[in-house]
Amino acid sequence: MPKITYVAHDGVETVVDVAQNDTVMRGAVLNGIKGIVAQCGGGASCGTCHVYVDPENTKPLSQMHQVEDELLYFTACERKENSRLSCQIPVTEEQDGLVVHMPEKQL
């Protein structure tokens, strides 16, 4: 199973195994990761699973769709160049080692 590292706003890192075909958001929710609220359950309609993909990431990510792109302008914390909705990042073997950072708040 691919390992995803979730970095809380305070710097605490948690590494979890996430099943292929799940999303980075679902991996966080199933493993009790604090900092990802996922209020809409992965429907790309709330923005409460906002993450910052590690700037040194070399893992291939799915293309950002228009809905995600627009919703990222309405998240609780600043949108950055490396912002993504974790519900829109499917996990495959290629994402093994992916690191995502949580913003200070989601709501």
PDB file of N, CA and C in Angstrom:
ATOM      1  N   MET A   1       0.831  -1.185   0.000  1.00  0.00           N
ATOM      2  CA  MET A   1       0.000   0.000   0.000  1.00  0.00           C
ATOM      3  C   MET A   1       0.876   1.249   0.000  1.00  0.00           C
ATOM      4  N   PRO A   2       0.493   2.254  -0.764  1.00  0.00           N
ATOM      5  CA  PRO A   2       1.253   3.501  -0.765  1.00  0.00           C
ATOM      6  C   PRO A   2       1.211   4.185   0.605  1.00  0.00           C
ATOM      7  N   LYS A   3       2.324   4.781   0.984  1.00  0.00           N
ATOM      8  CA  LYS A   3       2.412   5.532   2.234  1.00  0.00           C
ATOM      9  C   LYS A   3       2.286   7.021   1.909  1.00  0.00           C
ATOM     10  N   ILE A   4       1.398   7.699   2.632  1.00  0.00           N
ATOM     11  CA  ILE A   4       1.203   9.138   2.487  1.00  0.00           C
ATOM     12  C   ILE A   4       1.580   9.782   3.811  1.00  0.00           C
ATOM     13  N   THR A   5       2.338  10.868   3.751  1.00  0.00           N
ATOM     14  CA  THR A   5       2.718  11.600   4.956  1.00  0.00           C
ATOM     15  C   THR A   5       1.863  12.851   5.050  1.00  0.00           C
ATOM     16  N   TYR A   6       1.184  12.981   6.178  1.00  0.00           N
ATOM     17  CA  TYR A   6       0.354  14.152   6.475  1.00  0.00           C
ATOM     18  C   TYR A   6       1.106  14.984   7.506  1.00  0.00           C
ATOM     19  N   VAL A   7       1.335  16.249   7.205  1.00  0.00           N
ATOM     20  CA  VAL A   7       2.055  17.130   8.114  1.00  0.00           C
ATOM     21  C   VAL A   7       1.062  18.155   8.652  1.00  0.00           C
ATOM     22  N   ALA A   8       0.829  18.090   9.967  1.00  0.00           N
ATOM     23  CA  ALA A   8      -0.087  19.034  10.612  1.00  0.00           C
ATOM     24  C   ALA A   8       0.520  20.432  10.591  1.00  0.00           C
ATOM     25  N   HIS A   9      -0.321  21.421  10.809  1.00  0.00           N
ATOM     26  CA  HIS A   9       0.142  22.809  10.799  1.00  0.00           C
ATOM     27  C   HIS A   9       1.248  23.045  11.822  1.00  0.00           C
ATOM     28  N   ASP A  10       1.228  22.283  12.922  1.00  0.00           N
ATOM     29  CA  ASP A  10       2.262  22.443  13.958  1.00  0.00           C
ATOM     30  C   ASP A  10       3.535  21.652  13.645  1.00  0.00           C
ATOM     31  N   GLY A  11       3.573  20.995  12.482  1.00  0.00           N
ATOM     32  CA  GLY A  11       4.768  20.275  12.057  1.00  0.00           C
ATOM     33  C   GLY A  11       4.796  18.794  12.370  1.00  0.00           C
ATOM     34  N   VAL A  12       3.806  18.293  13.107  1.00  0.00           N
ATOM     35  CA  VAL A  12       3.769  16.872  13.448  1.00  0.00           C
ATOM     36  C   VAL A  12       3.440  16.065  12.186  1.00  0.00           C
ATOM     37  N   GLU A  13       4.281  15.079  11.899  1.00  0.00           N
ATOM     38  CA  GLU A  13       4.102  14.230  10.724  1.00  0.00           C
ATOM     39  C   GLU A  13       3.478  12.898  11.105  1.00  0.00           C
ATOM     40  N   THR A  14       2.531  12.460  10.286  1.00  0.00           N
ATOM     41  CA  THR A  14       1.923  11.151  10.467  1.00  0.00           C
ATOM     42  C   THR A  14       1.962  10.434   9.124  1.00  0.00           C
ATOM     43  N   VAL A  15       2.543   9.248   9.113  1.00  0.00           N
ATOM     44  CA  VAL A  15       2.639   8.459   7.885  1.00  0.00           C
ATOM     45  C   VAL A  15       1.621   7.323   7.977  1.00  0.00           C
ATOM     46  N   VAL A  16       0.792   7.194   6.948  1.00  0.00           N
ATOM     47  CA  VAL A  16      -0.214   6.129   6.948  1.00  0.00           C
ATOM     48  C   VAL A  16      -0.218   5.402   5.611  1.00  0.00           C
ATOM     49  N   ASP A  17      -0.637   4.153   5.653  1.00  0.00           N
ATOM     50  CA  ASP A  17      -0.870   3.385   4.441  1.00  0.00           C
ATOM     51  C   ASP A  17      -2.255   3.745   3.933  1.00  0.00           C
ATOM     52  N   VAL A  18      -2.337   4.069   2.654  1.00  0.00           N
ATOM     53  CA  VAL A  18      -3.615   4.413   2.043  1.00  0.00           C
ATOM     54  C   VAL A  18      -3.844   3.460   0.878  1.00  0.00           C
ATOM     55  N   ALA A  19      -4.997   2.846   0.858  1.00  0.00           N
ATOM     56  CA  ALA A  19      -5.314   1.884  -0.198  1.00  0.00           C
ATOM     57  C   ALA A  19      -5.347   2.564  -1.560  1.00  0.00           C
ATOM     58  N   GLN A  20      -4.848   1.837  -2.550  1.00  0.00           N
ATOM     59  CA  GLN A  20      -4.934   2.347  -3.909  1.00  0.00           C
ATOM     60  C   GLN A  20      -6.394   2.570  -4.275  1.00  0.00           C
ATOM     61  N   ASN A  21      -6.631   3.586  -5.054  1.00  0.00           N
ATOM     62  CA  ASN A  21      -7.947   4.001  -5.527  1.00  0.00           C
ATOM     63  C   ASN A  21      -8.747   4.757  -4.476  1.00  0.00           C
ATOM     64  N   ASP A  22      -8.233   4.858  -3.237  1.00  0.00           N
ATOM     65  CA  ASP A  22      -8.798   5.809  -2.286  1.00  0.00           C
ATOM     66  C   ASP A  22      -8.224   7.167  -2.640  1.00  0.00           C
ATOM     67  N   THR A  23      -8.632   8.192  -1.928  1.00  0.00           N
ATOM     68  CA  THR A  23      -8.064   9.519  -2.134  1.00  0.00           C
ATOM     69  C   THR A  23      -7.217   9.888  -0.922  1.00  0.00           C
ATOM     70  N   VAL A  24      -6.412  10.910  -1.077  1.00  0.00           N
ATOM     71  CA  VAL A  24      -5.613  11.400   0.044  1.00  0.00           C
ATOM     72  C   VAL A  24      -6.544  11.819   1.187  1.00  0.00           C
ATOM     73  N   MET A  25      -7.688  12.399   0.872  1.00  0.00           N
ATOM     74  CA  MET A  25      -8.668  12.785   1.888  1.00  0.00           C
ATOM     75  C   MET A  25      -9.219  11.571   2.628  1.00  0.00           C
ATOM     76  N   ARG A  26      -9.617  10.568   1.903  1.00  0.00           N
ATOM     77  CA  ARG A  26     -10.190   9.361   2.536  1.00  0.00           C
ATOM     78  C   ARG A  26      -9.150   8.682   3.418  1.00  0.00           C
ATOM     79  N   GLY A  27      -7.903   8.668   2.978  1.00  0.00           N
ATOM     80  CA  GLY A  27      -6.836   8.114   3.803  1.00  0.00           C
ATOM     81  C   GLY A  27      -6.718   8.854   5.123  1.00  0.00           C
ATOM     82  N   ALA A  28      -6.862  10.163   5.082  1.00  0.00           N
ATOM     83  CA  ALA A  28      -6.799  10.971   6.315  1.00  0.00           C
ATOM     84  C   ALA A  28      -7.982  10.672   7.218  1.00  0.00           C
ATOM     85  N   VAL A  29      -9.160  10.647   6.659  1.00  0.00           N
ATOM     86  CA  VAL A  29     -10.376  10.418   7.454  1.00  0.00           C
ATOM     87  C   VAL A  29     -10.356   9.026   8.091  1.00  0.00           C
ATOM     88  N   LEU A  30     -10.024   8.012   7.317  1.00  0.00           N
ATOM     89  CA  LEU A  30     -10.012   6.640   7.836  1.00  0.00           C
ATOM     90  C   LEU A  30      -8.954   6.420   8.908  1.00  0.00           C
ATOM     91  N   ASN A  31      -7.916   7.265   8.907  1.00  0.00           N
ATOM     92  CA  ASN A  31      -6.832   7.110   9.868  1.00  0.00           C
ATOM     93  C   ASN A  31      -6.836   8.175  10.963  1.00  0.00           C
ATOM     94  N   GLY A  32      -7.928   8.933  11.061  1.00  0.00           N
ATOM     95  CA  GLY A  32      -8.076   9.902  12.141  1.00  0.00           C
ATOM     96  C   GLY A  32      -7.089  11.053  12.103  1.00  0.00           C
ATOM     97  N   ILE A  33      -6.669  11.445  10.914  1.00  0.00           N
ATOM     98  CA  ILE A  33      -5.730  12.560  10.773  1.00  0.00           C
ATOM     99  C   ILE A  33      -6.464  13.867  11.078  1.00  0.00           C
ATOM    100  N   LYS A  34      -5.954  14.603  12.037  1.00  0.00           N
ATOM    101  CA  LYS A  34      -6.529  15.904  12.376  1.00  0.00           C
ATOM    102  C   LYS A  34      -6.102  16.911  11.316  1.00  0.00           C
ATOM    103  N   GLY A  35      -6.985  17.833  10.992  1.00  0.00           N
ATOM    104  CA  GLY A  35      -6.641  18.886  10.045  1.00  0.00           C
ATOM    105  C   GLY A  35      -7.324  18.752   8.702  1.00  0.00           C
ATOM    106  N   ILE A  36      -7.964  17.627   8.456  1.00  0.00           N
ATOM    107  CA  ILE A  36      -8.771  17.458   7.251  1.00  0.00           C
ATOM    108  C   ILE A  36     -10.185  17.145   7.715  1.00  0.00           C
ATOM    109  N   VAL A  37     -11.086  18.100   7.471  1.00  0.00           N
ATOM    110  CA  VAL A  37     -12.462  17.977   7.966  1.00  0.00           C
ATOM    111  C   VAL A  37     -13.310  17.129   7.026  1.00  0.00           C
ATOM    112  N   ALA A  38     -13.184  17.352   5.724  1.00  0.00           N
ATOM    113  CA  ALA A  38     -13.922  16.586   4.707  1.00  0.00           C
ATOM    114  C   ALA A  38     -15.422  16.636   4.932  1.00  0.00           C
ATOM    115  N   GLN A  39     -15.919  17.830   5.135  1.00  0.00           N
ATOM    116  CA  GLN A  39     -17.327  18.036   5.452  1.00  0.00           C
ATOM    117  C   GLN A  39     -18.280  17.467   4.393  1.00  0.00           C
ATOM    118  N   CYS A  40     -17.914  17.553   3.115  1.00  0.00           N
ATOM    119  CA  CYS A  40     -18.813  17.068   2.062  1.00  0.00           C
ATOM    120  C   CYS A  40     -18.561  15.606   1.710  1.00  0.00           C
ATOM    121  N   GLY A  41     -17.591  14.988   2.358  1.00  0.00           N
ATOM    122  CA  GLY A  41     -17.327  13.572   2.131  1.00  0.00           C
ATOM    123  C   GLY A  41     -16.609  13.255   0.835  1.00  0.00           C
ATOM    124  N   GLY A  42     -16.029  14.251   0.210  1.00  0.00           N
ATOM    125  CA  GLY A  42     -15.257  13.998  -1.007  1.00  0.00           C
ATOM    126  C   GLY A  42     -15.932  14.433  -2.281  1.00  0.00           C
ATOM    127  N   GLY A  43     -16.967  15.247  -2.174  1.00  0.00           N
ATOM    128  CA  GLY A  43     -17.709  15.686  -3.351  1.00  0.00           C
ATOM    129  C   GLY A  43     -17.183  16.941  -4.013  1.00  0.00           C
ATOM    130  N   ALA A  44     -16.048  17.435  -3.563  1.00  0.00           N
ATOM    131  CA  ALA A  44     -15.450  18.662  -4.119  1.00  0.00           C
ATOM    132  C   ALA A  44     -16.434  19.821  -4.081  1.00  0.00           C
ATOM    133  N   SER A  45     -17.103  19.955  -2.933  1.00  0.00           N
ATOM    134  CA  SER A  45     -18.074  21.045  -2.827  1.00  0.00           C
ATOM    135  C   SER A  45     -17.912  21.895  -1.576  1.00  0.00           C
ATOM    136  N   CYS A  46     -16.930  21.574  -0.711  1.00  0.00           N
ATOM    137  CA  CYS A  46     -16.823  22.344   0.531  1.00  0.00           C
ATOM    138  C   CYS A  46     -15.454  22.964   0.767  1.00  0.00           C
ATOM    139  N   GLY A  47     -14.405  22.385   0.253  1.00  0.00           N
ATOM    140  CA  GLY A  47     -13.052  22.916   0.431  1.00  0.00           C
ATOM    141  C   GLY A  47     -12.426  22.634   1.779  1.00  0.00           C
ATOM    142  N   THR A  48     -13.031  21.762   2.585  1.00  0.00           N
ATOM    143  CA  THR A  48     -12.497  21.497   3.928  1.00  0.00           C
ATOM    144  C   THR A  48     -11.495  20.341   3.959  1.00  0.00           C
ATOM    145  N   CYS A  49     -10.983  19.991   2.805  1.00  0.00           N
ATOM    146  CA  CYS A  49      -9.904  18.992   2.734  1.00  0.00           C
ATOM    147  C   CYS A  49      -8.694  19.592   2.028  1.00  0.00           C
ATOM    148  N   HIS A  50      -8.616  20.904   2.077  1.00  0.00           N
ATOM    149  CA  HIS A  50      -7.524  21.656   1.450  1.00  0.00           C
ATOM    150  C   HIS A  50      -6.188  21.224   2.028  1.00  0.00           C
ATOM    151  N   VAL A  51      -5.225  20.987   1.169  1.00  0.00           N
ATOM    152  CA  VAL A  51      -3.854  20.669   1.589  1.00  0.00           C
ATOM    153  C   VAL A  51      -2.885  21.417   0.691  1.00  0.00           C
ATOM    154  N   TYR A  52      -1.658  21.507   1.180  1.00  0.00           N
ATOM    155  CA  TYR A  52      -0.556  22.029   0.375  1.00  0.00           C
ATOM    156  C   TYR A  52       0.350  20.844   0.064  1.00  0.00           C
ATOM    157  N   VAL A  53       0.491  20.520  -1.207  1.00  0.00           N
ATOM    158  CA  VAL A  53       1.380  19.439  -1.613  1.00  0.00           C
ATOM    159  C   VAL A  53       2.808  19.921  -1.360  1.00  0.00           C
ATOM    160  N   ASP A  54       3.612  19.060  -0.772  1.00  0.00           N
ATOM    161  CA  ASP A  54       4.982  19.435  -0.442  1.00  0.00           C
ATOM    162  C   ASP A  54       5.665  20.046  -1.660  1.00  0.00           C
ATOM    163  N   PRO A  55       6.327  21.199  -1.468  1.00  0.00           N
ATOM    164  CA  PRO A  55       6.961  21.873  -2.607  1.00  0.00           C
ATOM    165  C   PRO A  55       8.032  21.043  -3.303  1.00  0.00           C
ATOM    166  N   GLU A  56       8.584  20.057  -2.639  1.00  0.00           N
ATOM    167  CA  GLU A  56       9.610  19.211  -3.249  1.00  0.00           C
ATOM    168  C   GLU A  56       9.022  17.941  -3.860  1.00  0.00           C
ATOM    169  N   ASN A  57       7.706  17.906  -3.991  1.00  0.00           N
ATOM    170  CA  ASN A  57       7.031  16.722  -4.531  1.00  0.00           C
ATOM    171  C   ASN A  57       7.484  16.425  -5.956  1.00  0.00           C
ATOM    172  N   THR A  58       7.762  15.161  -6.197  1.00  0.00           N
ATOM    173  CA  THR A  58       8.077  14.702  -7.550  1.00  0.00           C
ATOM    174  C   THR A  58       7.088  13.636  -7.999  1.00  0.00           C
ATOM    175  N   LYS A  59       6.088  13.381  -7.170  1.00  0.00           N
ATOM    176  CA  LYS A  59       5.085  12.357  -7.496  1.00  0.00           C
ATOM    177  C   LYS A  59       4.093  12.932  -8.508  1.00  0.00           C
ATOM    178  N   PRO A  60       3.690  12.133  -9.488  1.00  0.00           N
ATOM    179  CA  PRO A  60       2.701  12.625 -10.447  1.00  0.00           C
ATOM    180  C   PRO A  60       1.330  12.755  -9.771  1.00  0.00           C
ATOM    181  N   LEU A  61       0.663  13.860 -10.009  1.00  0.00           N
ATOM    182  CA  LEU A  61      -0.663  14.067  -9.441  1.00  0.00           C
ATOM    183  C   LEU A  61      -1.683  14.165 -10.560  1.00  0.00           C
ATOM    184  N   SER A  62      -2.915  13.838 -10.223  1.00  0.00           N
ATOM    185  CA  SER A  62      -3.986  13.969 -11.208  1.00  0.00           C
ATOM    186  C   SER A  62      -4.138  15.441 -11.591  1.00  0.00           C
ATOM    187  N   GLN A  63      -4.627  15.658 -12.772  1.00  0.00           N
ATOM    188  CA  GLN A  63      -4.845  17.015 -13.258  1.00  0.00           C
ATOM    189  C   GLN A  63      -5.947  17.684 -12.443  1.00  0.00           C
ATOM    190  N   MET A  64      -5.790  18.971 -12.165  1.00  0.00           N
ATOM    191  CA  MET A  64      -6.807  19.712 -11.429  1.00  0.00           C
ATOM    192  C   MET A  64      -7.952  20.067 -12.384  1.00  0.00           C
ATOM    193  N   HIS A  65      -9.168  19.717 -11.983  1.00  0.00           N
ATOM    194  CA  HIS A  65     -10.341  20.039 -12.784  1.00  0.00           C
ATOM    195  C   HIS A  65     -10.843  21.426 -12.414  1.00  0.00           C
ATOM    196  N   GLN A  66     -11.671  21.989 -13.254  1.00  0.00           N
ATOM    197  CA  GLN A  66     -12.166  23.348 -13.087  1.00  0.00           C
ATOM    198  C   GLN A  66     -12.881  23.555 -11.750  1.00  0.00           C
ATOM    199  N   VAL A  67     -13.690  22.601 -11.321  1.00  0.00           N
ATOM    200  CA  VAL A  67     -14.432  22.732 -10.060  1.00  0.00           C
ATOM    201  C   VAL A  67     -13.456  22.874  -8.889  1.00  0.00           C
ATOM    202  N   GLU A  68     -12.435  22.022  -8.854  1.00  0.00           N
ATOM    203  CA  GLU A  68     -11.429  22.105  -7.794  1.00  0.00           C
ATOM    204  C   GLU A  68     -10.705  23.445  -7.861  1.00  0.00           C
ATOM    205  N   ASP A  69     -10.309  23.840  -9.041  1.00  0.00           N
ATOM    206  CA  ASP A  69      -9.594  25.090  -9.228  1.00  0.00           C
ATOM    207  C   ASP A  69     -10.400  26.273  -8.684  1.00  0.00           C
ATOM    208  N   GLU A  70     -11.669  26.320  -8.987  1.00  0.00           N
ATOM    209  CA  GLU A  70     -12.524  27.412  -8.516  1.00  0.00           C
ATOM    210  C   GLU A  70     -12.750  27.351  -7.013  1.00  0.00           C
ATOM    211  N   LEU A  71     -12.969  26.164  -6.469  1.00  0.00           N
ATOM    212  CA  LEU A  71     -13.244  26.019  -5.038  1.00  0.00           C
ATOM    213  C   LEU A  71     -12.042  26.416  -4.183  1.00  0.00           C
ATOM    214  N   LEU A  72     -10.856  26.228  -4.688  1.00  0.00           N
ATOM    215  CA  LEU A  72      -9.655  26.576  -3.916  1.00  0.00           C
ATOM    216  C   LEU A  72      -9.546  28.071  -3.624  1.00  0.00           C
ATOM    217  N   TYR A  73     -10.296  28.893  -4.330  1.00  0.00           N
ATOM    218  CA  TYR A  73     -10.312  30.333  -4.038  1.00  0.00           C
ATOM    219  C   TYR A  73     -11.176  30.658  -2.820  1.00  0.00           C
ATOM    220  N   PHE A  74     -11.926  29.684  -2.323  1.00  0.00           N
ATOM    221  CA  PHE A  74     -12.858  29.928  -1.223  1.00  0.00           C
ATOM    222  C   PHE A  74     -12.537  29.112   0.027  1.00  0.00           C
ATOM    223  N   THR A  75     -11.321  28.596   0.121  1.00  0.00           N
ATOM    224  CA  THR A  75     -10.928  27.834   1.304  1.00  0.00           C
ATOM    225  C   THR A  75     -10.621  28.781   2.455  1.00  0.00           C
ATOM    226  N   ALA A  76     -10.613  28.243   3.666  1.00  0.00           N
ATOM    227  CA  ALA A  76     -10.409  29.054   4.865  1.00  0.00           C
ATOM    228  C   ALA A  76      -9.017  29.669   4.928  1.00  0.00           C
ATOM    229  N   CYS A  77      -8.035  28.990   4.385  1.00  0.00           N
ATOM    230  CA  CYS A  77      -6.657  29.504   4.372  1.00  0.00           C
ATOM    231  C   CYS A  77      -6.246  29.821   2.945  1.00  0.00           C
ATOM    232  N   GLU A  78      -5.253  30.630   2.844  1.00  0.00           N
ATOM    233  CA  GLU A  78      -4.752  31.119   1.570  1.00  0.00           C
ATOM    234  C   GLU A  78      -4.499  30.002   0.565  1.00  0.00           C
ATOM    235  N   ARG A  79      -4.968  30.248  -0.647  1.00  0.00           N
ATOM    236  CA  ARG A  79      -4.639  29.352  -1.753  1.00  0.00           C
ATOM    237  C   ARG A  79      -3.210  29.665  -2.176  1.00  0.00           C
ATOM    238  N   LYS A  80      -2.429  28.615  -2.374  1.00  0.00           N
ATOM    239  CA  LYS A  80      -1.056  28.759  -2.840  1.00  0.00           C
ATOM    240  C   LYS A  80      -0.897  27.989  -4.140  1.00  0.00           C
ATOM    241  N   GLU A  81       0.272  28.141  -4.756  1.00  0.00           N
ATOM    242  CA  GLU A  81       0.541  27.445  -6.011  1.00  0.00           C
ATOM    243  C   GLU A  81       0.436  25.934  -5.862  1.00  0.00           C
ATOM    244  N   ASN A  82       0.731  25.418  -4.651  1.00  0.00           N
ATOM    245  CA  ASN A  82       0.709  23.978  -4.413  1.00  0.00           C
ATOM    246  C   ASN A  82      -0.558  23.512  -3.692  1.00  0.00           C
ATOM    247  N   SER A  83      -1.596  24.346  -3.676  1.00  0.00           N
ATOM    248  CA  SER A  83      -2.867  23.965  -3.049  1.00  0.00           C
ATOM    249  C   SER A  83      -3.601  22.933  -3.884  1.00  0.00           C
ATOM    250  N   ARG A  84      -4.208  21.992  -3.187  1.00  0.00           N
ATOM    251  CA  ARG A  84      -5.079  20.994  -3.810  1.00  0.00           C
ATOM    252  C   ARG A  84      -6.164  20.622  -2.823  1.00  0.00           C
ATOM    253  N   LEU A  85      -7.256  20.086  -3.323  1.00  0.00           N
ATOM    254  CA  LEU A  85      -8.261  19.452  -2.476  1.00  0.00           C
ATOM    255  C   LEU A  85      -7.852  17.993  -2.389  1.00  0.00           C
ATOM    256  N   SER A  86      -7.668  17.505  -1.177  1.00  0.00           N
ATOM    257  CA  SER A  86      -7.180  16.131  -1.027  1.00  0.00           C
ATOM    258  C   SER A  86      -8.194  15.101  -1.513  1.00  0.00           C
ATOM    259  N   CYS A  87      -9.462  15.491  -1.610  1.00  0.00           N
ATOM    260  CA  CYS A  87     -10.470  14.562  -2.147  1.00  0.00           C
ATOM    261  C   CYS A  87     -10.321  14.367  -3.645  1.00  0.00           C
ATOM    262  N   GLN A  88      -9.522  15.205  -4.268  1.00  0.00           N
ATOM    263  CA  GLN A  88      -9.335  15.131  -5.713  1.00  0.00           C
ATOM    264  C   GLN A  88      -7.971  14.557  -6.095  1.00  0.00           C
ATOM    265  N   ILE A  89      -7.278  13.970  -5.104  1.00  0.00           N
ATOM    266  CA  ILE A  89      -5.993  13.327  -5.382  1.00  0.00           C
ATOM    267  C   ILE A  89      -6.148  11.822  -5.156  1.00  0.00           C
ATOM    268  N   PRO A  90      -6.400  11.069  -6.226  1.00  0.00           N
ATOM    269  CA  PRO A  90      -6.498   9.622  -6.072  1.00  0.00           C
ATOM    270  C   PRO A  90      -5.126   9.028  -5.758  1.00  0.00           C
ATOM    271  N   VAL A  91      -5.130   8.011  -4.932  1.00  0.00           N
ATOM    272  CA  VAL A  91      -3.884   7.355  -4.532  1.00  0.00           C
ATOM    273  C   VAL A  91      -3.642   6.148  -5.430  1.00  0.00           C
ATOM    274  N   THR A  92      -2.454   6.129  -6.009  1.00  0.00           N
ATOM    275  CA  THR A  92      -1.989   4.989  -6.787  1.00  0.00           C
ATOM    276  C   THR A  92      -0.605   4.631  -6.251  1.00  0.00           C
ATOM    277  N   GLU A  93      -0.040   3.582  -6.749  1.00  0.00           N
ATOM    278  CA  GLU A  93       1.303   3.185  -6.323  1.00  0.00           C
ATOM    279  C   GLU A  93       2.311   4.308  -6.571  1.00  0.00           C
ATOM    280  N   GLU A  94       2.055   5.121  -7.595  1.00  0.00           N
ATOM    281  CA  GLU A  94       2.955   6.230  -7.923  1.00  0.00           C
ATOM    282  C   GLU A  94       2.994   7.308  -6.839  1.00  0.00           C
ATOM    283  N   GLN A  95       1.968   7.386  -6.011  1.00  0.00           N
ATOM    284  CA  GLN A  95       1.929   8.391  -4.948  1.00  0.00           C
ATOM    285  C   GLN A  95       2.634   7.934  -3.678  1.00  0.00           C
ATOM    286  N   ASP A  96       3.186   6.731  -3.678  1.00  0.00           N
ATOM    287  CA  ASP A  96       3.900   6.247  -2.496  1.00  0.00           C
ATOM    288  C   ASP A  96       4.972   7.265  -2.105  1.00  0.00           C
ATOM    289  N   GLY A  97       4.894   7.764  -0.877  1.00  0.00           N
ATOM    290  CA  GLY A  97       5.849   8.757  -0.397  1.00  0.00           C
ATOM    291  C   GLY A  97       5.368  10.193  -0.523  1.00  0.00           C
ATOM    292  N   LEU A  98       4.164  10.402  -1.041  1.00  0.00           N
ATOM    293  CA  LEU A  98       3.615  11.755  -1.166  1.00  0.00           C
ATOM    294  C   LEU A  98       3.517  12.409   0.204  1.00  0.00           C
ATOM    295  N   VAL A  99       3.856  13.687   0.266  1.00  0.00           N
ATOM    296  CA  VAL A  99       3.766  14.461   1.502  1.00  0.00           C
ATOM    297  C   VAL A  99       2.822  15.626   1.273  1.00  0.00           C
ATOM    298  N   VAL A 100       1.843  15.772   2.164  1.00  0.00           N
ATOM    299  CA  VAL A 100       0.924  16.911   2.110  1.00  0.00           C
ATOM    300  C   VAL A 100       0.930  17.627   3.453  1.00  0.00           C
ATOM    301  N   HIS A 101       0.792  18.938   3.402  1.00  0.00           N
ATOM    302  CA  HIS A 101       0.784  19.778   4.601  1.00  0.00           C
ATOM    303  C   HIS A 101      -0.623  20.344   4.778  1.00  0.00           C
ATOM    304  N   MET A 102      -1.114  20.322   6.019  1.00  0.00           N
ATOM    305  CA  MET A 102      -2.425  20.868   6.303  1.00  0.00           C
ATOM    306  C   MET A 102      -2.315  22.361   6.589  1.00  0.00           C
ATOM    307  N   PRO A 103      -3.306  23.120   6.152  1.00  0.00           N
ATOM    308  CA  PRO A 103      -3.322  24.545   6.500  1.00  0.00           C
ATOM    309  C   PRO A 103      -3.676  24.733   7.965  1.00  0.00           C
ATOM    310  N   GLU A 104      -3.597  25.947   8.431  1.00  0.00           N
ATOM    311  CA  GLU A 104      -3.878  26.251   9.838  1.00  0.00           C
ATOM    312  C   GLU A 104      -5.304  25.887  10.240  1.00  0.00           C
ATOM    313  N   LYS A 105      -6.253  26.101   9.314  1.00  0.00           N
ATOM    314  CA  LYS A 105      -7.656  25.776   9.612  1.00  0.00           C
ATOM    315  C   LYS A 105      -8.363  25.409   8.313  1.00  0.00           C
ATOM    316  N   GLN A 106      -9.508  24.753   8.472  1.00  0.00           N
ATOM    317  CA  GLN A 106     -10.306  24.353   7.309  1.00  0.00           C
ATOM    318  C   GLN A 106     -11.649  25.072   7.261  1.00  0.00           C
ATOM    319  N   LEU A 107     -12.151  25.529   8.367  1.00  0.00           N
ATOM    320  CA  LEU A 107     -13.471  26.180   8.401  1.00  0.00           C
ATOM    321  C   LEU A 107     -13.332  27.633   8.747  1.00  0.00           C
TER     322      LEU A 107
END
